[in-house]
Amino acid sequence: MTITLSGLFIVACIGLAIWFKKDSSFRKREFLAVSLFWILAVATPWGADAVDKVQSMLGTGARAASDTVNSVSSK
Protein backbone atom coordinates (compact mmCIF):
# COMPACT_ATOMS: atom_id res chain seq x y z
CA MET A 1 0.00 0.00 0.00
CA THR A 2 1.47 3.31 -1.06
CA ILE A 3 -0.02 6.62 0.00
CA THR A 4 0.13 9.13 -2.81
CA LEU A 5 1.14 12.73 -2.34
CA SER A 6 -2.46 13.77 -2.99
CA GLY A 7 -3.71 11.35 -0.35
CA LEU A 8 -1.23 12.62 2.20
CA PHE A 9 -2.22 16.20 1.38
CA ILE A 10 -5.92 15.39 1.81
CA VAL A 11 -5.25 13.78 5.19
CA ALA A 12 -3.37 16.93 6.26
CA CYS A 13 -6.23 19.12 5.03
CA ILE A 14 -8.79 17.08 6.96
CA GLY A 15 -6.66 17.36 10.09
CA LEU A 16 -6.36 21.13 9.67
CA ALA A 17 -10.10 21.46 9.07
CA ILE A 18 -10.94 19.52 12.24
CA TRP A 19 -8.40 21.49 14.25
CA PHE A 20 -9.67 24.87 13.06
CA LYS A 21 -13.32 23.83 13.44
CA LYS A 22 -12.76 22.95 17.12
CA ASP A 23 -10.70 26.09 17.79
CA SER A 24 -12.99 28.88 18.97
CA SER A 25 -10.44 31.59 18.11
CA PHE A 26 -10.22 30.46 14.48
CA ARG A 27 -9.35 33.13 11.93
CA LYS A 28 -9.36 32.68 8.18
CA ARG A 29 -6.00 34.44 7.89
CA GLU A 30 -4.41 31.84 10.16
CA PHE A 31 -5.91 29.02 8.13
CA LEU A 32 -4.50 30.48 4.92
CA ALA A 33 -1.07 30.98 6.48
CA VAL A 34 -0.88 27.42 7.79
CA SER A 35 -2.20 25.99 4.51
CA LEU A 36 0.31 27.94 2.45
CA PHE A 37 3.10 26.82 4.78
CA TRP A 38 2.23 23.15 4.22
CA ILE A 39 1.88 23.60 0.47
CA LEU A 40 5.30 25.27 0.29
CA ALA A 41 6.84 22.71 2.65
CA VAL A 42 5.72 19.85 0.40
CA ALA A 43 6.53 21.71 -2.83
CA THR A 44 10.22 22.20 -2.01
CA PRO A 45 12.81 19.50 -2.76
CA TRP A 46 13.42 18.99 0.97
CA GLY A 47 9.70 18.68 1.59
CA ALA A 48 9.38 16.16 -1.24
CA ASP A 49 12.14 14.06 0.36
CA ALA A 50 10.34 14.20 3.70
CA VAL A 51 7.08 13.16 2.03
CA ASP A 52 8.85 10.19 0.41
CA LYS A 53 10.15 9.10 3.82
CA VAL A 54 6.69 9.41 5.40
CA GLN A 55 5.13 7.50 2.52
CA SER A 56 7.62 4.66 2.87
CA MET A 57 7.17 4.49 6.67
CA LEU A 58 3.37 4.45 6.45
CA GLY A 59 3.40 1.97 3.58
CA THR A 60 5.78 -0.36 5.44
CA GLY A 61 3.71 -0.10 8.63
CA ALA A 62 0.46 -0.78 6.79
CA ARG A 63 2.02 -3.75 5.00
CA ALA A 64 3.34 -5.21 8.27
CA ALA A 65 -0.02 -4.75 9.99
CA SER A 66 -1.84 -6.35 7.08
CA ASP A 67 0.55 -9.31 7.04
CA THR A 68 0.13 -9.76 10.80
CA VAL A 69 -3.65 -9.71 10.60
CA ASN A 70 -3.64 -12.14 7.70
CA SER A 71 -1.32 -14.57 9.47
CA VAL A 72 -3.29 -14.46 12.73
CA SER A 73 -6.67 -14.84 11.02
CA SER A 74 -5.48 -17.78 8.92
CA LYS A 75 -4.62 -19.83 12.02
PDB file of N, CA and C in Angstrom:
ATOM      1  N   MET A   1       0.851  -1.181   0.000  1.00  0.00           N
ATOM      2  CA  MET A   1       0.000   0.000   0.000  1.00  0.00           C
ATOM      3  C   MET A   1       0.887   1.232   0.000  1.00  0.00           C
ATOM      4  N   THR A   2       0.711   2.080  -0.978  1.00  0.00           N
ATOM      5  CA  THR A   2       1.472   3.313  -1.063  1.00  0.00           C
ATOM      6  C   THR A   2       0.508   4.489  -0.994  1.00  0.00           C
ATOM      7  N   ILE A   3       0.798   5.410  -0.109  1.00  0.00           N
ATOM      8  CA  ILE A   3      -0.018   6.616   0.002  1.00  0.00           C
ATOM      9  C   ILE A   3       0.534   7.634  -0.975  1.00  0.00           C
ATOM     10  N   THR A   4      -0.317   8.147  -1.828  1.00  0.00           N
ATOM     11  CA  THR A   4       0.129   9.130  -2.806  1.00  0.00           C
ATOM     12  C   THR A   4       0.288  10.490  -2.147  1.00  0.00           C
ATOM     13  N   LEU A   5       0.960  11.377  -2.839  1.00  0.00           N
ATOM     14  CA  LEU A   5       1.139  12.731  -2.337  1.00  0.00           C
ATOM     15  C   LEU A   5      -0.209  13.422  -2.162  1.00  0.00           C
ATOM     16  N   SER A   6      -1.117  13.187  -3.090  1.00  0.00           N
ATOM     17  CA  SER A   6      -2.455  13.773  -2.986  1.00  0.00           C
ATOM     18  C   SER A   6      -3.191  13.232  -1.768  1.00  0.00           C
ATOM     19  N   GLY A   7      -3.054  11.938  -1.519  1.00  0.00           N
ATOM     20  CA  GLY A   7      -3.709  11.348  -0.352  1.00  0.00           C
ATOM     21  C   GLY A   7      -3.166  11.897   0.947  1.00  0.00           C
ATOM     22  N   LEU A   8      -1.851  12.050   1.009  1.00  0.00           N
ATOM     23  CA  LEU A   8      -1.232  12.618   2.200  1.00  0.00           C
ATOM     24  C   LEU A   8      -1.662  14.066   2.400  1.00  0.00           C
ATOM     25  N   PHE A   9      -1.769  14.805   1.315  1.00  0.00           N
ATOM     26  CA  PHE A   9      -2.218  16.198   1.376  1.00  0.00           C
ATOM     27  C   PHE A   9      -3.664  16.280   1.864  1.00  0.00           C
ATOM     28  N   ILE A  10      -4.515  15.389   1.394  1.00  0.00           N
ATOM     29  CA  ILE A  10      -5.924  15.395   1.814  1.00  0.00           C
ATOM     30  C   ILE A  10      -6.039  15.058   3.301  1.00  0.00           C
ATOM     31  N   VAL A  11      -5.242  14.117   3.763  1.00  0.00           N
ATOM     32  CA  VAL A  11      -5.245  13.778   5.195  1.00  0.00           C
ATOM     33  C   VAL A  11      -4.828  15.003   6.023  1.00  0.00           C
ATOM     34  N   ALA A  12      -3.812  15.712   5.563  1.00  0.00           N
ATOM     35  CA  ALA A  12      -3.367  16.925   6.262  1.00  0.00           C
ATOM     36  C   ALA A  12      -4.458  17.990   6.246  1.00  0.00           C
ATOM     37  N   CYS A  13      -5.141  18.136   5.129  1.00  0.00           N
ATOM     38  CA  CYS A  13      -6.234  19.124   5.034  1.00  0.00           C
ATOM     39  C   CYS A  13      -7.385  18.778   5.970  1.00  0.00           C
ATOM     40  N   ILE A  14      -7.717  17.502   6.056  1.00  0.00           N
ATOM     41  CA  ILE A  14      -8.788  17.078   6.961  1.00  0.00           C
ATOM     42  C   ILE A  14      -8.388  17.366   8.402  1.00  0.00           C
ATOM     43  N   GLY A  15      -7.143  17.063   8.744  1.00  0.00           N
ATOM     44  CA  GLY A  15      -6.664  17.359  10.092  1.00  0.00           C
ATOM     45  C   GLY A  15      -6.718  18.841  10.412  1.00  0.00           C
ATOM     46  N   LEU A  16      -6.296  19.673   9.468  1.00  0.00           N
ATOM     47  CA  LEU A  16      -6.363  21.125   9.670  1.00  0.00           C
ATOM     48  C   LEU A  16      -7.809  21.593   9.823  1.00  0.00           C
ATOM     49  N   ALA A  17      -8.695  21.053   8.996  1.00  0.00           N
ATOM     50  CA  ALA A  17     -10.098  21.463   9.065  1.00  0.00           C
ATOM     51  C   ALA A  17     -10.705  21.116  10.422  1.00  0.00           C
ATOM     52  N   ILE A  18     -10.415  19.918  10.929  1.00  0.00           N
ATOM     53  CA  ILE A  18     -10.943  19.523  12.240  1.00  0.00           C
ATOM     54  C   ILE A  18     -10.359  20.408  13.333  1.00  0.00           C
ATOM     55  N   TRP A  19      -9.056  20.659  13.239  1.00  0.00           N
ATOM     56  CA  TRP A  19      -8.396  21.492  14.246  1.00  0.00           C
ATOM     57  C   TRP A  19      -8.988  22.895  14.270  1.00  0.00           C
ATOM     58  N   PHE A  20      -9.138  23.509  13.105  1.00  0.00           N
ATOM     59  CA  PHE A  20      -9.670  24.869  13.061  1.00  0.00           C
ATOM     60  C   PHE A  20     -11.157  24.918  13.384  1.00  0.00           C
ATOM     61  N   LYS A  21     -11.889  23.856  13.104  1.00  0.00           N
ATOM     62  CA  LYS A  21     -13.317  23.825  13.436  1.00  0.00           C
ATOM     63  C   LYS A  21     -13.513  23.795  14.951  1.00  0.00           C
ATOM     64  N   LYS A  22     -12.639  23.054  15.668  1.00  0.00           N
ATOM     65  CA  LYS A  22     -12.763  22.950  17.124  1.00  0.00           C
ATOM     66  C   LYS A  22     -12.193  24.160  17.843  1.00  0.00           C
ATOM     67  N   ASP A  23     -11.339  24.934  17.167  1.00  0.00           N
ATOM     68  CA  ASP A  23     -10.695  26.092  17.786  1.00  0.00           C
ATOM     69  C   ASP A  23     -11.663  27.277  17.754  1.00  0.00           C
ATOM     70  N   SER A  24     -12.022  27.781  18.915  1.00  0.00           N
ATOM     71  CA  SER A  24     -12.985  28.881  18.972  1.00  0.00           C
ATOM     72  C   SER A  24     -12.386  30.204  18.506  1.00  0.00           C
ATOM     73  N   SER A  25     -11.071  30.332  18.539  1.00  0.00           N
ATOM     74  CA  SER A  25     -10.436  31.587  18.113  1.00  0.00           C
ATOM     75  C   SER A  25      -9.951  31.502  16.667  1.00  0.00           C
ATOM     76  N   PHE A  26     -10.602  30.679  15.870  1.00  0.00           N
ATOM     77  CA  PHE A  26     -10.218  30.463  14.478  1.00  0.00           C
ATOM     78  C   PHE A  26     -10.355  31.748  13.660  1.00  0.00           C
ATOM     79  N   ARG A  27      -9.323  32.005  12.852  1.00  0.00           N
ATOM     80  CA  ARG A  27      -9.349  33.134  11.929  1.00  0.00           C
ATOM     81  C   ARG A  27      -8.965  32.623  10.542  1.00  0.00           C
ATOM     82  N   LYS A  28      -9.622  33.132   9.539  1.00  0.00           N
ATOM     83  CA  LYS A  28      -9.356  32.676   8.178  1.00  0.00           C
ATOM     84  C   LYS A  28      -7.923  32.984   7.761  1.00  0.00           C
ATOM     85  N   ARG A  29      -7.371  34.075   8.238  1.00  0.00           N
ATOM     86  CA  ARG A  29      -5.996  34.440   7.890  1.00  0.00           C
ATOM     87  C   ARG A  29      -5.015  33.391   8.412  1.00  0.00           C
ATOM     88  N   GLU A  30      -5.262  32.886   9.614  1.00  0.00           N
ATOM     89  CA  GLU A  30      -4.406  31.837  10.164  1.00  0.00           C
ATOM     90  C   GLU A  30      -4.506  30.555   9.337  1.00  0.00           C
ATOM     91  N   PHE A  31      -5.711  30.217   8.941  1.00  0.00           N
ATOM     92  CA  PHE A  31      -5.915  29.024   8.129  1.00  0.00           C
ATOM     93  C   PHE A  31      -5.144  29.126   6.812  1.00  0.00           C
ATOM     94  N   LEU A  32      -5.219  30.286   6.170  1.00  0.00           N
ATOM     95  CA  LEU A  32      -4.498  30.477   4.916  1.00  0.00           C
ATOM     96  C   LEU A  32      -2.987  30.415   5.123  1.00  0.00           C
ATOM     97  N   ALA A  33      -2.507  31.004   6.210  1.00  0.00           N
ATOM     98  CA  ALA A  33      -1.066  30.984   6.479  1.00  0.00           C
ATOM     99  C   ALA A  33      -0.564  29.560   6.713  1.00  0.00           C
ATOM    100  N   VAL A  34      -1.290  28.798   7.510  1.00  0.00           N
ATOM    101  CA  VAL A  34      -0.878  27.418   7.789  1.00  0.00           C
ATOM    102  C   VAL A  34      -0.986  26.567   6.522  1.00  0.00           C
ATOM    103  N   SER A  35      -2.035  26.754   5.753  1.00  0.00           N
ATOM    104  CA  SER A  35      -2.200  25.989   4.510  1.00  0.00           C
ATOM    105  C   SER A  35      -1.092  26.299   3.520  1.00  0.00           C
ATOM    106  N   LEU A  36      -0.768  27.573   3.364  1.00  0.00           N
ATOM    107  CA  LEU A  36       0.315  27.943   2.452  1.00  0.00           C
ATOM    108  C   LEU A  36       1.655  27.392   2.927  1.00  0.00           C
ATOM    109  N   PHE A  37       1.862  27.392   4.246  1.00  0.00           N
ATOM    110  CA  PHE A  37       3.095  26.821   4.776  1.00  0.00           C
ATOM    111  C   PHE A  37       3.223  25.357   4.377  1.00  0.00           C
ATOM    112  N   TRP A  38       2.157  24.567   4.541  1.00  0.00           N
ATOM    113  CA  TRP A  38       2.227  23.146   4.221  1.00  0.00           C
ATOM    114  C   TRP A  38       2.382  22.916   2.729  1.00  0.00           C
ATOM    115  N   ILE A  39       1.732  23.734   1.919  1.00  0.00           N
ATOM    116  CA  ILE A  39       1.884  23.601   0.466  1.00  0.00           C
ATOM    117  C   ILE A  39       3.328  23.877   0.070  1.00  0.00           C
ATOM    118  N   LEU A  40       3.911  24.937   0.611  1.00  0.00           N
ATOM    119  CA  LEU A  40       5.301  25.267   0.286  1.00  0.00           C
ATOM    120  C   LEU A  40       6.272  24.238   0.855  1.00  0.00           C
ATOM    121  N   ALA A  41       5.963  23.704   2.034  1.00  0.00           N
ATOM    122  CA  ALA A  41       6.840  22.708   2.647  1.00  0.00           C
ATOM    123  C   ALA A  41       6.883  21.436   1.814  1.00  0.00           C
ATOM    124  N   VAL A  42       5.776  21.065   1.221  1.00  0.00           N
ATOM    125  CA  VAL A  42       5.722  19.849   0.405  1.00  0.00           C
ATOM    126  C   VAL A  42       6.241  20.123  -1.006  1.00  0.00           C
ATOM    127  N   ALA A  43       6.140  21.372  -1.463  1.00  0.00           N
ATOM    128  CA  ALA A  43       6.533  21.707  -2.832  1.00  0.00           C
ATOM    129  C   ALA A  43       8.038  21.897  -2.995  1.00  0.00           C
ATOM    130  N   THR A  44       8.774  22.037  -1.910  1.00  0.00           N
ATOM    131  CA  THR A  44      10.221  22.197  -2.009  1.00  0.00           C
ATOM    132  C   THR A  44      10.893  20.834  -2.145  1.00  0.00           C
ATOM    133  N   PRO A  45      12.118  20.801  -2.651  1.00  0.00           N
ATOM    134  CA  PRO A  45      12.809  19.505  -2.762  1.00  0.00           C
ATOM    135  C   PRO A  45      12.997  18.816  -1.405  1.00  0.00           C
ATOM    136  N   TRP A  46      13.265  19.589  -0.352  1.00  0.00           N
ATOM    137  CA  TRP A  46      13.424  18.988   0.974  1.00  0.00           C
ATOM    138  C   TRP A  46      12.093  18.441   1.477  1.00  0.00           C
ATOM    139  N   GLY A  47      11.027  19.157   1.203  1.00  0.00           N
ATOM    140  CA  GLY A  47       9.704  18.681   1.593  1.00  0.00           C
ATOM    141  C   GLY A  47       9.317  17.424   0.849  1.00  0.00           C
ATOM    142  N   ALA A  48       9.690  17.357  -0.439  1.00  0.00           N
ATOM    143  CA  ALA A  48       9.384  16.163  -1.236  1.00  0.00           C
ATOM    144  C   ALA A  48      10.140  14.954  -0.690  1.00  0.00           C
ATOM    145  N   ASP A  49      11.385  15.158  -0.251  1.00  0.00           N
ATOM    146  CA  ASP A  49      12.139  14.059   0.356  1.00  0.00           C
ATOM    147  C   ASP A  49      11.480  13.590   1.653  1.00  0.00           C
ATOM    148  N   ALA A  50      11.012  14.546   2.444  1.00  0.00           N
ATOM    149  CA  ALA A  50      10.338  14.196   3.697  1.00  0.00           C
ATOM    150  C   ALA A  50       9.050  13.429   3.418  1.00  0.00           C
ATOM    151  N   VAL A  51       8.324  13.849   2.400  1.00  0.00           N
ATOM    152  CA  VAL A  51       7.081  13.155   2.035  1.00  0.00           C
ATOM    153  C   VAL A  51       7.387  11.729   1.590  1.00  0.00           C
ATOM    154  N   ASP A  52       8.465  11.548   0.828  1.00  0.00           N
ATOM    155  CA  ASP A  52       8.854  10.193   0.413  1.00  0.00           C
ATOM    156  C   ASP A  52       9.157   9.308   1.622  1.00  0.00           C
ATOM    157  N   LYS A  53       9.843   9.879   2.619  1.00  0.00           N
ATOM    158  CA  LYS A  53      10.152   9.103   3.822  1.00  0.00           C
ATOM    159  C   LYS A  53       8.884   8.727   4.581  1.00  0.00           C
ATOM    160  N   VAL A  54       7.951   9.683   4.704  1.00  0.00           N
ATOM    161  CA  VAL A  54       6.686   9.410   5.405  1.00  0.00           C
ATOM    162  C   VAL A  54       5.890   8.355   4.647  1.00  0.00           C
ATOM    163  N   GLN A  55       5.861   8.480   3.323  1.00  0.00           N
ATOM    164  CA  GLN A  55       5.131   7.497   2.518  1.00  0.00           C
ATOM    165  C   GLN A  55       5.703   6.098   2.695  1.00  0.00           C
ATOM    166  N   SER A  56       7.020   5.987   2.714  1.00  0.00           N
ATOM    167  CA  SER A  56       7.616   4.662   2.871  1.00  0.00           C
ATOM    168  C   SER A  56       7.371   4.103   4.269  1.00  0.00           C
ATOM    169  N   MET A  57       7.422   4.962   5.303  1.00  0.00           N
ATOM    170  CA  MET A  57       7.167   4.487   6.666  1.00  0.00           C
ATOM    171  C   MET A  57       5.726   4.024   6.816  1.00  0.00           C
ATOM    172  N   LEU A  58       4.775   4.824   6.325  1.00  0.00           N
ATOM    173  CA  LEU A  58       3.367   4.448   6.449  1.00  0.00           C
ATOM    174  C   LEU A  58       3.057   3.216   5.617  1.00  0.00           C
ATOM    175  N   GLY A  59       3.630   3.138   4.427  1.00  0.00           N
ATOM    176  CA  GLY A  59       3.403   1.972   3.581  1.00  0.00           C
ATOM    177  C   GLY A  59       3.962   0.707   4.201  1.00  0.00           C
ATOM    178  N   THR A  60       5.160   0.798   4.784  1.00  0.00           N
ATOM    179  CA  THR A  60       5.775  -0.355   5.441  1.00  0.00           C
ATOM    180  C   THR A  60       4.972  -0.772   6.665  1.00  0.00           C
ATOM    181  N   GLY A  61       4.514   0.203   7.444  1.00  0.00           N
ATOM    182  CA  GLY A  61       3.706  -0.101   8.626  1.00  0.00           C
ATOM    183  C   GLY A  61       2.377  -0.731   8.260  1.00  0.00           C
ATOM    184  N   ALA A  62       1.743  -0.214   7.225  1.00  0.00           N
ATOM    185  CA  ALA A  62       0.463  -0.777   6.791  1.00  0.00           C
ATOM    186  C   ALA A  62       0.652  -2.196   6.259  1.00  0.00           C
ATOM    187  N   ARG A  63       1.741  -2.411   5.531  1.00  0.00           N
ATOM    188  CA  ARG A  63       2.019  -3.747   4.998  1.00  0.00           C
ATOM    189  C   ARG A  63       2.268  -4.739   6.124  1.00  0.00           C
ATOM    190  N   ALA A  64       3.047  -4.323   7.135  1.00  0.00           N
ATOM    191  CA  ALA A  64       3.342  -5.207   8.270  1.00  0.00           C
ATOM    192  C   ALA A  64       2.070  -5.526   9.052  1.00  0.00           C
ATOM    193  N   ALA A  65       1.231  -4.523   9.267  1.00  0.00           N
ATOM    194  CA  ALA A  65      -0.025  -4.750   9.987  1.00  0.00           C
ATOM    195  C   ALA A  65      -0.938  -5.679   9.206  1.00  0.00           C
ATOM    196  N   SER A  66      -1.012  -5.494   7.920  1.00  0.00           N
ATOM    197  CA  SER A  66      -1.841  -6.351   7.079  1.00  0.00           C
ATOM    198  C   SER A  66      -1.341  -7.793   7.095  1.00  0.00           C
ATOM    199  N   ASP A  67      -0.025  -7.966   6.996  1.00  0.00           N
ATOM    200  CA  ASP A  67       0.547  -9.315   7.044  1.00  0.00           C
ATOM    201  C   ASP A  67       0.280  -9.986   8.387  1.00  0.00           C
ATOM    202  N   THR A  68       0.385  -9.211   9.462  1.00  0.00           N
ATOM    203  CA  THR A  68       0.135  -9.763  10.797  1.00  0.00           C
ATOM    204  C   THR A  68      -1.316 -10.202  10.955  1.00  0.00           C
ATOM    205  N   VAL A  69      -2.227  -9.366  10.519  1.00  0.00           N
ATOM    206  CA  VAL A  69      -3.649  -9.708  10.599  1.00  0.00           C
ATOM    207  C   VAL A  69      -3.949 -10.929   9.755  1.00  0.00           C
ATOM    208  N   ASN A  70      -3.379 -10.990   8.570  1.00  0.00           N
ATOM    209  CA  ASN A  70      -3.639 -12.145   7.700  1.00  0.00           C
ATOM    210  C   ASN A  70      -3.077 -13.425   8.289  1.00  0.00           C
ATOM    211  N   SER A  71      -1.896 -13.352   8.906  1.00  0.00           N
ATOM    212  CA  SER A  71      -1.317 -14.573   9.467  1.00  0.00           C
ATOM    213  C   SER A  71      -2.057 -15.027  10.708  1.00  0.00           C
ATOM    214  N   VAL A  72      -2.547 -14.092  11.517  1.00  0.00           N
ATOM    215  CA  VAL A  72      -3.289 -14.458  12.729  1.00  0.00           C
ATOM    216  C   VAL A  72      -4.659 -15.005  12.352  1.00  0.00           C
ATOM    217  N   SER A  73      -5.317 -14.384  11.381  1.00  0.00           N
ATOM    218  CA  SER A  73      -6.668 -14.837  11.020  1.00  0.00           C
ATOM    219  C   SER A  73      -6.651 -16.154  10.259  1.00  0.00           C
ATOM    220  N   SER A  74      -5.537 -16.518   9.659  1.00  0.00           N
ATOM    221  CA  SER A  74      -5.485 -17.781   8.924  1.00  0.00           C
ATOM    222  C   SER A  74      -5.259 -18.980   9.835  1.00  0.00           C
ATOM    223  N   LYS A  75      -4.903 -18.719  11.105  1.00  0.00           N
ATOM    224  CA  LYS A  75      -4.620 -19.832  12.018  1.00  0.00           C
ATOM    225  C   LYS A  75      -5.848 -20.333  12.699  1.00  0.00           C
TER     226      LYS A  75
END
